[in-house]
């Protein structure tokens, strides 16, 4: 379809497009944020981990065992922590809606990323390159590691049809279950992450 044809189509359906965009950014994102917060906070509490779980997806979600807190015992500073992260589309831009990000629009996505307050970006990337033993264990366990980008993450794949049905019945447990599985993978690899924390403490 040509750009002129697309423009014509958009103008003719602008009311529906504007209404859909507002609804997806408003009530739909609120419902998604509430459901994800419930799921993550239930898992976090069951693990007895620290963290902050906001219902507004734009405000962020993070969690970590108290044992990963930095030596200065700052309540919000951790040698390693898990955060909810949106990834960009293939063109390097963010999806315009959270629904688009969850559904993988144009290469966008969501993941649980491991990050640190103890090291700067350069040292963190270097650590991911040099700690080959523990990183290999994590990659074998299903984690993504890209030292060049400083990325260590549990990838999450949401099925579009299940998410659509979740909105239809206002029940998100099944659609968001991949987040629960990702948290379980992180918890099950706790010993490997403890080794990574020890490595961070040696170099910081």
N, C-alpha and C. Protein backbone atom coordinates (compact mmCIF):
# COMPACT_ATOMS: atom_id res chain seq x y z
N UNK A 1 0.85 -1.19 0.00
CA UNK A 1 0.00 0.00 0.00
C UNK A 1 0.88 1.24 0.00
N UNK A 2 0.60 2.20 -0.84
CA UNK A 2 1.41 3.42 -0.94
C UNK A 2 1.15 4.34 0.24
N UNK A 3 2.09 5.30 0.46
CA UNK A 3 1.93 6.25 1.55
C UNK A 3 0.68 7.11 1.36
N UNK A 4 0.40 7.46 0.13
CA UNK A 4 -0.80 8.27 -0.12
C UNK A 4 -2.06 7.50 0.22
N UNK A 5 -2.07 6.21 -0.09
CA UNK A 5 -3.23 5.37 0.24
C UNK A 5 -3.39 5.23 1.75
N UNK A 6 -2.25 5.08 2.43
CA UNK A 6 -2.28 4.97 3.90
C UNK A 6 -2.82 6.25 4.50
N UNK A 7 -2.33 7.39 4.01
CA UNK A 7 -2.80 8.67 4.53
C UNK A 7 -4.29 8.85 4.35
N UNK A 8 -4.78 8.46 3.18
CA UNK A 8 -6.21 8.56 2.91
C UNK A 8 -7.01 7.68 3.87
N UNK A 9 -6.51 6.46 4.10
CA UNK A 9 -7.19 5.53 4.99
C UNK A 9 -7.21 6.06 6.42
N UNK A 10 -6.07 6.62 6.86
CA UNK A 10 -5.99 7.15 8.22
C UNK A 10 -6.98 8.29 8.41
N UNK A 11 -7.03 9.21 7.46
CA UNK A 11 -7.95 10.34 7.60
C UNK A 11 -9.40 9.87 7.68
N UNK A 12 -9.73 8.90 6.86
CA UNK A 12 -11.11 8.41 6.86
C UNK A 12 -11.49 7.68 8.15
N UNK A 13 -10.48 7.16 8.85
CA UNK A 13 -10.76 6.40 10.08
C UNK A 13 -10.12 7.06 11.31
N UNK A 14 -9.88 8.36 11.23
CA UNK A 14 -9.16 9.03 12.31
C UNK A 14 -9.90 8.95 13.65
N UNK A 15 -11.24 9.00 13.62
CA UNK A 15 -11.99 8.91 14.88
C UNK A 15 -11.72 7.59 15.58
N UNK A 16 -11.78 6.49 14.81
CA UNK A 16 -11.53 5.18 15.41
C UNK A 16 -10.09 5.04 15.88
N UNK A 17 -9.14 5.56 15.08
CA UNK A 17 -7.73 5.45 15.44
C UNK A 17 -7.42 6.23 16.71
N UNK A 18 -7.92 7.48 16.79
CA UNK A 18 -7.68 8.30 17.98
C UNK A 18 -8.33 7.67 19.21
N UNK A 19 -9.55 7.16 19.05
CA UNK A 19 -10.23 6.54 20.18
C UNK A 19 -9.49 5.29 20.65
N UNK A 20 -9.01 4.49 19.68
CA UNK A 20 -8.28 3.28 20.04
C UNK A 20 -6.98 3.60 20.76
N UNK A 21 -6.26 4.63 20.29
CA UNK A 21 -5.00 5.00 20.91
C UNK A 21 -5.22 5.50 22.33
N UNK A 22 -6.22 6.33 22.52
CA UNK A 22 -6.51 6.84 23.87
C UNK A 22 -6.92 5.71 24.81
N UNK A 23 -7.73 4.80 24.30
CA UNK A 23 -8.20 3.70 25.14
C UNK A 23 -7.05 2.76 25.50
N UNK A 24 -6.17 2.49 24.54
CA UNK A 24 -5.05 1.58 24.81
C UNK A 24 -4.05 2.21 25.78
N UNK A 25 -3.86 3.53 25.69
CA UNK A 25 -2.94 4.21 26.61
C UNK A 25 -3.56 4.45 27.98
N UNK A 26 -4.88 4.43 28.04
CA UNK A 26 -5.58 4.70 29.29
C UNK A 26 -6.04 3.43 29.99
N UNK A 27 -7.33 3.08 29.86
CA UNK A 27 -7.87 1.92 30.59
C UNK A 27 -7.14 0.61 30.33
N UNK A 28 -6.74 0.36 29.09
CA UNK A 28 -6.08 -0.92 28.80
C UNK A 28 -4.72 -1.00 29.50
N UNK A 29 -3.93 0.07 29.44
CA UNK A 29 -2.63 0.07 30.12
C UNK A 29 -2.81 -0.02 31.63
N UNK A 30 -3.85 0.61 32.16
CA UNK A 30 -4.11 0.53 33.60
C UNK A 30 -4.44 -0.90 34.01
N UNK A 31 -5.28 -1.57 33.24
CA UNK A 31 -5.62 -2.96 33.54
C UNK A 31 -4.39 -3.86 33.47
N UNK A 32 -3.57 -3.64 32.44
CA UNK A 32 -2.36 -4.44 32.28
C UNK A 32 -1.39 -4.19 33.43
N UNK A 33 -1.23 -2.92 33.81
CA UNK A 33 -0.35 -2.60 34.93
C UNK A 33 -0.81 -3.20 36.24
N UNK A 34 -2.10 -3.16 36.49
CA UNK A 34 -2.64 -3.75 37.73
C UNK A 34 -2.41 -5.25 37.77
N UNK A 35 -2.67 -5.92 36.64
CA UNK A 35 -2.51 -7.37 36.60
C UNK A 35 -1.05 -7.77 36.75
N UNK A 36 -0.15 -7.07 36.08
CA UNK A 36 1.27 -7.40 36.19
C UNK A 36 1.78 -7.13 37.59
N UNK A 37 1.35 -6.03 38.20
CA UNK A 37 1.78 -5.71 39.56
C UNK A 37 1.33 -6.80 40.54
N UNK A 38 0.10 -7.27 40.39
CA UNK A 38 -0.40 -8.33 41.27
C UNK A 38 0.46 -9.59 41.14
N UNK A 39 0.74 -9.97 39.91
CA UNK A 39 1.53 -11.18 39.67
C UNK A 39 2.93 -11.05 40.24
N UNK A 40 3.61 -9.96 39.90
CA UNK A 40 5.00 -9.78 40.35
C UNK A 40 5.08 -9.65 41.86
N UNK A 41 4.16 -8.89 42.45
CA UNK A 41 4.23 -8.69 43.90
C UNK A 41 3.93 -9.97 44.66
N UNK A 42 3.03 -10.79 44.14
CA UNK A 42 2.77 -12.09 44.78
C UNK A 42 4.03 -12.95 44.77
N UNK A 43 4.73 -13.00 43.62
CA UNK A 43 5.95 -13.79 43.52
C UNK A 43 7.04 -13.20 44.42
N UNK A 44 7.17 -11.87 44.41
CA UNK A 44 8.20 -11.20 45.22
C UNK A 44 7.99 -11.50 46.71
N UNK A 45 6.76 -11.40 47.16
CA UNK A 45 6.47 -11.65 48.58
C UNK A 45 6.72 -13.12 48.93
N UNK A 46 6.36 -14.03 48.02
CA UNK A 46 6.59 -15.46 48.28
C UNK A 46 8.08 -15.75 48.41
N UNK A 47 8.90 -15.04 47.64
CA UNK A 47 10.36 -15.20 47.72
C UNK A 47 10.97 -14.42 48.87
N UNK A 48 10.18 -13.52 49.49
CA UNK A 48 10.65 -12.64 50.56
C UNK A 48 11.78 -11.74 50.06
N UNK A 49 11.58 -11.17 48.86
CA UNK A 49 12.56 -10.27 48.28
C UNK A 49 12.12 -8.82 48.46
N UNK A 50 13.09 -7.93 48.46
CA UNK A 50 12.81 -6.50 48.50
C UNK A 50 12.29 -6.07 47.12
N UNK A 51 11.82 -4.81 47.05
CA UNK A 51 11.45 -4.30 45.74
C UNK A 51 10.39 -3.23 45.79
N UNK A 52 10.10 -2.71 44.62
CA UNK A 52 9.04 -1.73 44.43
C UNK A 52 8.27 -2.11 43.18
N UNK A 53 6.98 -2.34 43.35
CA UNK A 53 6.14 -2.79 42.24
C UNK A 53 5.03 -1.77 42.03
N UNK A 54 5.20 -0.94 41.01
CA UNK A 54 4.21 0.09 40.70
C UNK A 54 3.14 -0.45 39.77
N UNK A 55 1.93 0.05 39.94
CA UNK A 55 0.83 -0.36 39.08
C UNK A 55 0.82 0.42 37.77
N UNK A 56 1.44 1.58 37.76
CA UNK A 56 1.61 2.34 36.53
C UNK A 56 2.87 1.81 35.86
N UNK A 57 2.75 1.23 34.68
CA UNK A 57 3.89 0.62 34.00
C UNK A 57 4.99 1.62 33.71
N UNK A 58 4.64 2.90 33.61
CA UNK A 58 5.65 3.92 33.34
C UNK A 58 6.51 4.23 34.57
N UNK A 59 6.06 3.79 35.75
CA UNK A 59 6.77 4.11 36.99
C UNK A 59 7.81 3.06 37.37
N UNK A 60 7.78 1.90 36.73
CA UNK A 60 8.83 0.90 36.95
C UNK A 60 8.51 -0.16 37.98
N UNK A 61 9.18 -1.29 37.83
CA UNK A 61 9.10 -2.44 38.74
C UNK A 61 10.51 -2.97 38.93
N UNK A 62 10.91 -3.18 40.20
CA UNK A 62 12.20 -3.82 40.45
C UNK A 62 12.09 -4.67 41.71
N UNK A 63 12.95 -5.68 41.83
CA UNK A 63 12.98 -6.52 43.02
C UNK A 63 14.32 -7.24 43.10
N UNK A 64 14.67 -7.66 44.32
CA UNK A 64 15.95 -8.33 44.56
C UNK A 64 15.98 -8.89 45.97
N UNK A 65 16.75 -9.95 46.19
CA UNK A 65 16.96 -10.43 47.57
C UNK A 65 17.69 -9.37 48.39
N UNK A 66 17.37 -9.29 49.67
CA UNK A 66 18.05 -8.30 50.52
C UNK A 66 19.55 -8.56 50.58
N UNK A 67 19.97 -9.81 50.37
CA UNK A 67 21.40 -10.15 50.41
C UNK A 67 22.18 -9.51 49.27
N UNK A 68 21.49 -9.03 48.25
CA UNK A 68 22.18 -8.39 47.13
C UNK A 68 22.34 -6.88 47.33
N UNK A 69 21.89 -6.38 48.46
CA UNK A 69 22.01 -4.95 48.73
C UNK A 69 23.49 -4.57 48.84
N UNK A 70 23.82 -3.36 48.41
CA UNK A 70 25.21 -2.91 48.46
C UNK A 70 25.70 -2.78 49.89
N UNK A 71 27.01 -2.73 50.05
CA UNK A 71 27.63 -2.73 51.38
C UNK A 71 27.22 -1.53 52.22
N UNK A 72 26.89 -0.40 51.60
CA UNK A 72 26.48 0.77 52.37
C UNK A 72 25.07 0.64 52.93
N UNK A 73 24.40 -0.47 52.58
CA UNK A 73 23.08 -0.82 53.11
C UNK A 73 21.99 0.17 52.71
N UNK A 74 22.25 0.91 51.64
CA UNK A 74 21.23 1.80 51.10
C UNK A 74 20.04 0.96 50.67
N UNK A 75 18.85 1.34 51.11
CA UNK A 75 17.67 0.53 50.85
C UNK A 75 17.32 0.43 49.37
N UNK A 76 17.84 1.32 48.53
CA UNK A 76 17.53 1.28 47.11
C UNK A 76 18.78 1.11 46.26
N UNK A 77 19.85 0.56 46.83
CA UNK A 77 21.09 0.34 46.09
C UNK A 77 21.48 -1.13 46.21
N UNK A 78 21.58 -1.79 45.06
CA UNK A 78 21.82 -3.22 45.05
C UNK A 78 22.96 -3.56 44.09
N UNK A 79 23.78 -4.53 44.53
CA UNK A 79 24.82 -5.02 43.63
C UNK A 79 24.21 -5.69 42.41
N UNK A 80 23.04 -6.25 42.57
CA UNK A 80 22.30 -6.85 41.47
C UNK A 80 20.82 -6.78 41.79
N UNK A 81 20.02 -6.43 40.80
CA UNK A 81 18.57 -6.39 40.99
C UNK A 81 17.89 -6.70 39.66
N UNK A 82 16.61 -7.03 39.73
CA UNK A 82 15.82 -7.36 38.56
C UNK A 82 14.87 -6.20 38.29
N UNK A 83 14.76 -5.79 37.03
CA UNK A 83 13.84 -4.72 36.68
C UNK A 83 13.02 -5.10 35.46
N UNK A 84 11.78 -4.64 35.44
CA UNK A 84 10.92 -4.79 34.28
C UNK A 84 11.36 -3.77 33.24
N UNK A 85 11.57 -4.22 32.01
CA UNK A 85 12.14 -3.34 30.99
C UNK A 85 11.44 -3.54 29.65
N UNK A 86 11.11 -2.43 29.01
CA UNK A 86 10.60 -2.45 27.64
C UNK A 86 11.77 -2.37 26.67
N UNK A 87 11.71 -3.08 25.58
CA UNK A 87 12.74 -2.98 24.54
C UNK A 87 12.16 -2.29 23.31
N UNK A 88 13.01 -1.63 22.58
CA UNK A 88 12.58 -0.81 21.45
C UNK A 88 12.19 -1.64 20.23
N UNK A 89 11.51 -0.99 19.31
CA UNK A 89 11.21 -1.57 18.01
C UNK A 89 12.50 -1.67 17.18
N UNK A 90 12.42 -2.30 16.05
CA UNK A 90 13.59 -2.49 15.20
C UNK A 90 14.17 -1.16 14.71
N UNK A 91 13.35 -0.11 14.66
CA UNK A 91 13.85 1.19 14.22
C UNK A 91 14.47 2.00 15.36
N UNK A 92 14.58 1.38 16.55
CA UNK A 92 15.20 2.03 17.69
C UNK A 92 14.26 2.89 18.52
N UNK A 93 13.00 2.98 18.12
CA UNK A 93 12.03 3.78 18.86
C UNK A 93 11.15 2.88 19.72
N UNK A 94 10.57 3.46 20.77
CA UNK A 94 9.67 2.72 21.62
C UNK A 94 8.33 2.51 20.92
N UNK A 95 7.65 1.45 21.27
CA UNK A 95 6.27 1.28 20.82
C UNK A 95 5.43 2.41 21.40
N UNK A 96 4.41 2.83 20.69
CA UNK A 96 3.59 3.95 21.15
C UNK A 96 2.69 3.58 22.32
N UNK A 97 2.46 2.29 22.53
CA UNK A 97 1.61 1.84 23.64
C UNK A 97 2.25 0.64 24.33
N UNK A 98 1.86 0.43 25.58
CA UNK A 98 2.32 -0.77 26.28
C UNK A 98 1.74 -2.02 25.65
N UNK A 99 0.54 -1.91 25.09
CA UNK A 99 -0.05 -3.06 24.42
C UNK A 99 0.84 -3.47 23.26
N UNK A 100 1.33 -2.50 22.50
CA UNK A 100 2.23 -2.79 21.40
C UNK A 100 3.50 -3.46 21.85
N UNK A 101 4.08 -2.98 22.96
CA UNK A 101 5.31 -3.58 23.48
C UNK A 101 5.08 -5.02 23.92
N UNK A 102 3.98 -5.27 24.64
CA UNK A 102 3.69 -6.62 25.12
C UNK A 102 3.43 -7.57 23.95
N UNK A 103 2.85 -7.05 22.86
CA UNK A 103 2.51 -7.89 21.71
C UNK A 103 3.65 -8.01 20.70
N UNK A 104 4.76 -7.33 20.96
CA UNK A 104 5.91 -7.46 20.08
C UNK A 104 5.80 -6.66 18.80
N UNK A 105 5.10 -5.51 18.86
CA UNK A 105 4.94 -4.69 17.65
C UNK A 105 6.28 -4.26 17.09
N UNK A 106 6.53 -4.55 15.81
CA UNK A 106 7.72 -4.09 15.08
C UNK A 106 9.02 -4.42 15.81
N UNK A 107 9.05 -5.57 16.48
CA UNK A 107 10.27 -5.99 17.16
C UNK A 107 10.39 -5.53 18.60
N UNK A 108 9.41 -4.76 19.09
CA UNK A 108 9.44 -4.33 20.49
C UNK A 108 9.20 -5.54 21.40
N UNK A 109 9.41 -5.35 22.69
CA UNK A 109 9.18 -6.46 23.61
C UNK A 109 9.31 -6.02 25.06
N UNK A 110 9.14 -6.97 25.95
CA UNK A 110 9.30 -6.75 27.39
C UNK A 110 10.16 -7.87 27.94
N UNK A 111 10.90 -7.57 29.00
CA UNK A 111 11.78 -8.56 29.61
C UNK A 111 12.03 -8.21 31.06
N UNK A 112 12.61 -9.14 31.80
CA UNK A 112 13.10 -8.88 33.15
C UNK A 112 14.62 -8.82 33.05
N UNK A 113 15.17 -7.63 33.26
CA UNK A 113 16.60 -7.40 33.06
C UNK A 113 17.32 -7.35 34.40
N UNK A 114 18.49 -7.97 34.45
CA UNK A 114 19.36 -7.88 35.61
C UNK A 114 20.25 -6.65 35.46
N UNK A 115 20.33 -5.85 36.52
CA UNK A 115 21.12 -4.63 36.46
C UNK A 115 21.82 -4.43 37.80
N UNK A 116 22.68 -3.41 37.89
CA UNK A 116 23.45 -3.17 39.10
C UNK A 116 23.57 -1.69 39.40
N UNK A 117 23.55 -1.35 40.69
CA UNK A 117 23.84 0.02 41.13
C UNK A 117 25.31 0.18 41.49
N UNK A 118 26.04 -0.94 41.54
CA UNK A 118 27.40 -0.92 42.08
C UNK A 118 28.46 -0.60 41.04
N UNK A 119 28.16 -0.84 39.77
CA UNK A 119 29.14 -0.65 38.71
C UNK A 119 28.60 0.30 37.65
N UNK A 120 29.49 1.04 37.02
CA UNK A 120 29.12 1.84 35.87
C UNK A 120 28.94 0.96 34.65
N UNK A 121 28.38 1.51 33.58
CA UNK A 121 28.11 0.71 32.37
C UNK A 121 29.35 0.01 31.82
N UNK A 122 30.50 0.68 31.80
CA UNK A 122 31.70 0.06 31.23
C UNK A 122 32.14 -1.14 32.06
N UNK A 123 32.17 -0.99 33.40
CA UNK A 123 32.60 -2.09 34.26
C UNK A 123 31.59 -3.25 34.22
N UNK A 124 30.31 -2.93 34.12
CA UNK A 124 29.28 -3.96 34.04
C UNK A 124 29.44 -4.78 32.76
N UNK A 125 29.67 -4.10 31.65
CA UNK A 125 29.88 -4.80 30.38
C UNK A 125 31.14 -5.68 30.44
N UNK A 126 32.19 -5.15 31.07
CA UNK A 126 33.43 -5.92 31.20
C UNK A 126 33.20 -7.17 32.04
N UNK A 127 32.41 -7.03 33.10
CA UNK A 127 32.13 -8.18 33.97
C UNK A 127 31.37 -9.26 33.21
N UNK A 128 30.42 -8.86 32.38
CA UNK A 128 29.66 -9.83 31.60
C UNK A 128 30.54 -10.56 30.59
N UNK A 129 31.61 -9.90 30.16
CA UNK A 129 32.55 -10.55 29.24
C UNK A 129 33.49 -11.51 29.94
N UNK A 130 33.90 -11.15 31.17
CA UNK A 130 34.97 -11.91 31.83
C UNK A 130 34.46 -13.04 32.72
N UNK A 131 33.26 -12.92 33.26
CA UNK A 131 32.73 -13.97 34.14
C UNK A 131 32.08 -15.06 33.30
N UNK A 132 32.90 -15.71 32.49
CA UNK A 132 32.36 -16.65 31.50
C UNK A 132 31.68 -17.87 32.12
N UNK A 133 32.20 -18.35 33.23
CA UNK A 133 31.63 -19.56 33.83
C UNK A 133 30.19 -19.33 34.26
N UNK A 134 29.96 -18.28 35.04
CA UNK A 134 28.61 -18.03 35.54
C UNK A 134 27.70 -17.57 34.41
N UNK A 135 28.21 -16.80 33.47
CA UNK A 135 27.38 -16.35 32.35
C UNK A 135 26.97 -17.54 31.50
N UNK A 136 27.88 -18.49 31.27
CA UNK A 136 27.53 -19.69 30.51
C UNK A 136 26.41 -20.47 31.21
N UNK A 137 26.48 -20.54 32.53
CA UNK A 137 25.43 -21.23 33.29
C UNK A 137 24.08 -20.55 33.08
N UNK A 138 24.09 -19.22 33.07
CA UNK A 138 22.84 -18.48 32.91
C UNK A 138 22.30 -18.61 31.49
N UNK A 139 23.17 -18.54 30.50
CA UNK A 139 22.74 -18.69 29.11
C UNK A 139 22.15 -20.08 28.89
N UNK A 140 22.79 -21.09 29.47
CA UNK A 140 22.26 -22.46 29.37
C UNK A 140 20.90 -22.57 30.06
N UNK A 141 20.67 -21.70 31.05
CA UNK A 141 19.40 -21.70 31.76
C UNK A 141 18.33 -20.86 31.09
N UNK A 142 18.63 -20.35 29.90
CA UNK A 142 17.61 -19.63 29.13
C UNK A 142 17.68 -18.12 29.20
N UNK A 143 18.76 -17.57 29.73
CA UNK A 143 18.90 -16.13 29.82
C UNK A 143 19.64 -15.57 28.61
N UNK A 144 19.34 -14.34 28.27
CA UNK A 144 20.05 -13.63 27.21
C UNK A 144 21.19 -12.84 27.83
N UNK A 145 22.38 -12.92 27.23
CA UNK A 145 23.51 -12.09 27.66
C UNK A 145 24.16 -11.47 26.44
N UNK A 146 24.23 -10.14 26.44
CA UNK A 146 24.89 -9.39 25.37
C UNK A 146 25.84 -8.39 26.01
N UNK A 147 27.11 -8.77 26.24
CA UNK A 147 28.06 -7.88 26.90
C UNK A 147 28.24 -6.54 26.20
N UNK A 148 28.14 -6.52 24.87
CA UNK A 148 28.32 -5.26 24.15
C UNK A 148 27.28 -4.23 24.54
N UNK A 149 26.07 -4.68 24.82
CA UNK A 149 24.99 -3.78 25.22
C UNK A 149 24.81 -3.72 26.73
N UNK A 150 25.54 -4.57 27.45
CA UNK A 150 25.35 -4.64 28.89
C UNK A 150 24.03 -5.25 29.28
N UNK A 151 23.57 -6.21 28.48
CA UNK A 151 22.26 -6.82 28.70
C UNK A 151 22.38 -8.22 29.28
N UNK A 152 21.71 -8.44 30.39
CA UNK A 152 21.52 -9.77 30.97
C UNK A 152 20.06 -9.84 31.37
N UNK A 153 19.30 -10.72 30.72
CA UNK A 153 17.85 -10.65 30.90
C UNK A 153 17.17 -11.99 30.69
N UNK A 154 16.01 -12.10 31.32
CA UNK A 154 15.09 -13.21 31.06
C UNK A 154 14.07 -12.70 30.05
N UNK A 155 14.07 -13.28 28.86
CA UNK A 155 13.15 -12.85 27.82
C UNK A 155 11.74 -13.35 28.11
N UNK A 156 10.77 -12.58 27.66
CA UNK A 156 9.36 -12.92 27.90
C UNK A 156 8.61 -12.83 26.59
N UNK A 157 7.85 -13.87 26.28
CA UNK A 157 7.06 -13.91 25.06
C UNK A 157 5.59 -14.01 25.43
N UNK A 158 4.84 -12.97 25.10
CA UNK A 158 3.41 -12.94 25.38
C UNK A 158 2.64 -13.34 24.12
N UNK A 159 1.70 -14.25 24.27
CA UNK A 159 0.88 -14.66 23.13
C UNK A 159 -0.24 -13.64 22.91
N UNK A 160 -0.26 -13.07 21.72
CA UNK A 160 -1.23 -12.00 21.41
C UNK A 160 -2.67 -12.47 21.61
N UNK A 161 -2.98 -13.69 21.16
CA UNK A 161 -4.35 -14.19 21.28
C UNK A 161 -4.77 -14.33 22.74
N UNK A 162 -3.85 -14.79 23.57
CA UNK A 162 -4.17 -14.93 25.00
C UNK A 162 -4.35 -13.57 25.66
N UNK A 163 -3.55 -12.59 25.25
CA UNK A 163 -3.71 -11.24 25.81
C UNK A 163 -5.02 -10.63 25.36
N UNK A 164 -5.39 -10.85 24.11
CA UNK A 164 -6.68 -10.35 23.62
C UNK A 164 -7.83 -10.94 24.42
N UNK A 165 -7.77 -12.24 24.67
CA UNK A 165 -8.81 -12.90 25.45
C UNK A 165 -8.82 -12.40 26.89
N UNK A 166 -7.64 -12.09 27.43
CA UNK A 166 -7.55 -11.57 28.80
C UNK A 166 -8.33 -10.26 28.94
N UNK A 167 -8.21 -9.39 27.94
CA UNK A 167 -8.97 -8.14 27.99
C UNK A 167 -10.46 -8.39 27.81
N UNK A 168 -10.81 -9.41 27.04
CA UNK A 168 -12.22 -9.71 26.81
C UNK A 168 -12.92 -10.18 28.08
N UNK A 169 -12.20 -10.94 28.91
CA UNK A 169 -12.82 -11.52 30.12
C UNK A 169 -12.30 -10.88 31.40
N UNK A 170 -11.38 -9.90 31.27
CA UNK A 170 -10.78 -9.22 32.42
C UNK A 170 -10.11 -10.22 33.38
N UNK A 171 -9.35 -11.14 32.80
CA UNK A 171 -8.63 -12.15 33.58
C UNK A 171 -7.29 -12.37 32.90
N UNK A 172 -6.19 -11.97 33.59
CA UNK A 172 -4.89 -11.90 32.93
C UNK A 172 -3.89 -12.97 33.38
N UNK A 173 -4.30 -13.85 34.28
CA UNK A 173 -3.34 -14.81 34.84
C UNK A 173 -2.66 -15.65 33.76
N UNK A 174 -3.44 -16.19 32.85
CA UNK A 174 -2.86 -17.07 31.82
C UNK A 174 -2.00 -16.28 30.84
N UNK A 175 -2.47 -15.11 30.41
CA UNK A 175 -1.74 -14.33 29.43
C UNK A 175 -0.39 -13.85 29.96
N UNK A 176 -0.34 -13.52 31.26
CA UNK A 176 0.88 -12.98 31.85
C UNK A 176 1.73 -14.04 32.55
N UNK A 177 1.33 -15.30 32.44
CA UNK A 177 2.07 -16.38 33.07
C UNK A 177 3.55 -16.40 32.68
N UNK A 178 3.94 -16.02 31.45
CA UNK A 178 5.37 -15.98 31.13
C UNK A 178 6.19 -15.11 32.06
N UNK A 179 5.59 -14.08 32.67
CA UNK A 179 6.31 -13.30 33.66
C UNK A 179 6.58 -14.15 34.91
N UNK A 180 5.61 -14.95 35.30
CA UNK A 180 5.80 -15.82 36.44
C UNK A 180 6.89 -16.84 36.19
N UNK A 181 6.90 -17.39 34.98
CA UNK A 181 7.95 -18.35 34.63
C UNK A 181 9.32 -17.69 34.63
N UNK A 182 9.39 -16.45 34.16
CA UNK A 182 10.68 -15.75 34.15
C UNK A 182 11.19 -15.50 35.56
N UNK A 183 10.30 -15.13 36.47
CA UNK A 183 10.70 -14.93 37.86
C UNK A 183 11.16 -16.25 38.46
N UNK A 184 10.46 -17.33 38.13
CA UNK A 184 10.86 -18.65 38.62
C UNK A 184 12.25 -19.02 38.11
N UNK A 185 12.55 -18.70 36.83
CA UNK A 185 13.87 -19.00 36.28
C UNK A 185 14.95 -18.24 37.05
N UNK A 186 14.66 -16.99 37.37
CA UNK A 186 15.63 -16.19 38.13
C UNK A 186 15.84 -16.79 39.51
N UNK A 187 14.75 -17.14 40.18
CA UNK A 187 14.86 -17.72 41.53
C UNK A 187 15.59 -19.07 41.49
N UNK A 188 15.32 -19.87 40.47
CA UNK A 188 15.97 -21.18 40.37
C UNK A 188 17.46 -21.08 40.08
N UNK A 189 17.88 -19.96 39.50
CA UNK A 189 19.30 -19.73 39.22
C UNK A 189 19.93 -18.83 40.28
N UNK A 190 19.35 -18.82 41.47
CA UNK A 190 19.83 -17.94 42.53
C UNK A 190 21.32 -18.15 42.82
N UNK A 191 21.79 -19.39 42.83
CA UNK A 191 23.19 -19.65 43.15
C UNK A 191 24.12 -19.03 42.09
N UNK A 192 23.72 -19.08 40.83
CA UNK A 192 24.53 -18.46 39.78
C UNK A 192 24.55 -16.95 39.92
N UNK A 193 23.40 -16.37 40.24
CA UNK A 193 23.35 -14.93 40.44
C UNK A 193 24.13 -14.51 41.69
N UNK A 194 24.13 -15.36 42.71
CA UNK A 194 24.95 -15.08 43.90
C UNK A 194 26.44 -15.03 43.52
N UNK A 195 26.85 -15.92 42.61
CA UNK A 195 28.24 -15.88 42.13
C UNK A 195 28.53 -14.58 41.39
N UNK A 196 27.57 -14.11 40.62
CA UNK A 196 27.74 -12.85 39.91
C UNK A 196 27.82 -11.68 40.88
N UNK A 197 27.03 -11.71 41.93
CA UNK A 197 27.10 -10.67 42.96
C UNK A 197 28.48 -10.67 43.62
N UNK A 198 29.00 -11.86 43.91
CA UNK A 198 30.34 -11.95 44.50
C UNK A 198 31.39 -11.36 43.58
N UNK A 199 31.24 -11.60 42.27
CA UNK A 199 32.18 -11.03 41.30
C UNK A 199 32.09 -9.52 41.25
N UNK A 200 30.88 -9.00 41.32
CA UNK A 200 30.67 -7.55 41.35
C UNK A 200 31.37 -6.95 42.56
N UNK A 201 31.24 -7.60 43.70
CA UNK A 201 31.83 -7.06 44.93
C UNK A 201 33.36 -7.12 44.91
N UNK A 202 33.91 -8.02 44.13
CA UNK A 202 35.37 -8.09 44.02
C UNK A 202 35.94 -6.93 43.19
N UNK A 203 35.15 -6.44 42.25
CA UNK A 203 35.71 -5.44 41.32
C UNK A 203 35.24 -4.02 41.59
N UNK A 204 34.21 -3.85 42.40
CA UNK A 204 33.68 -2.49 42.56
C UNK A 204 34.61 -1.63 43.40
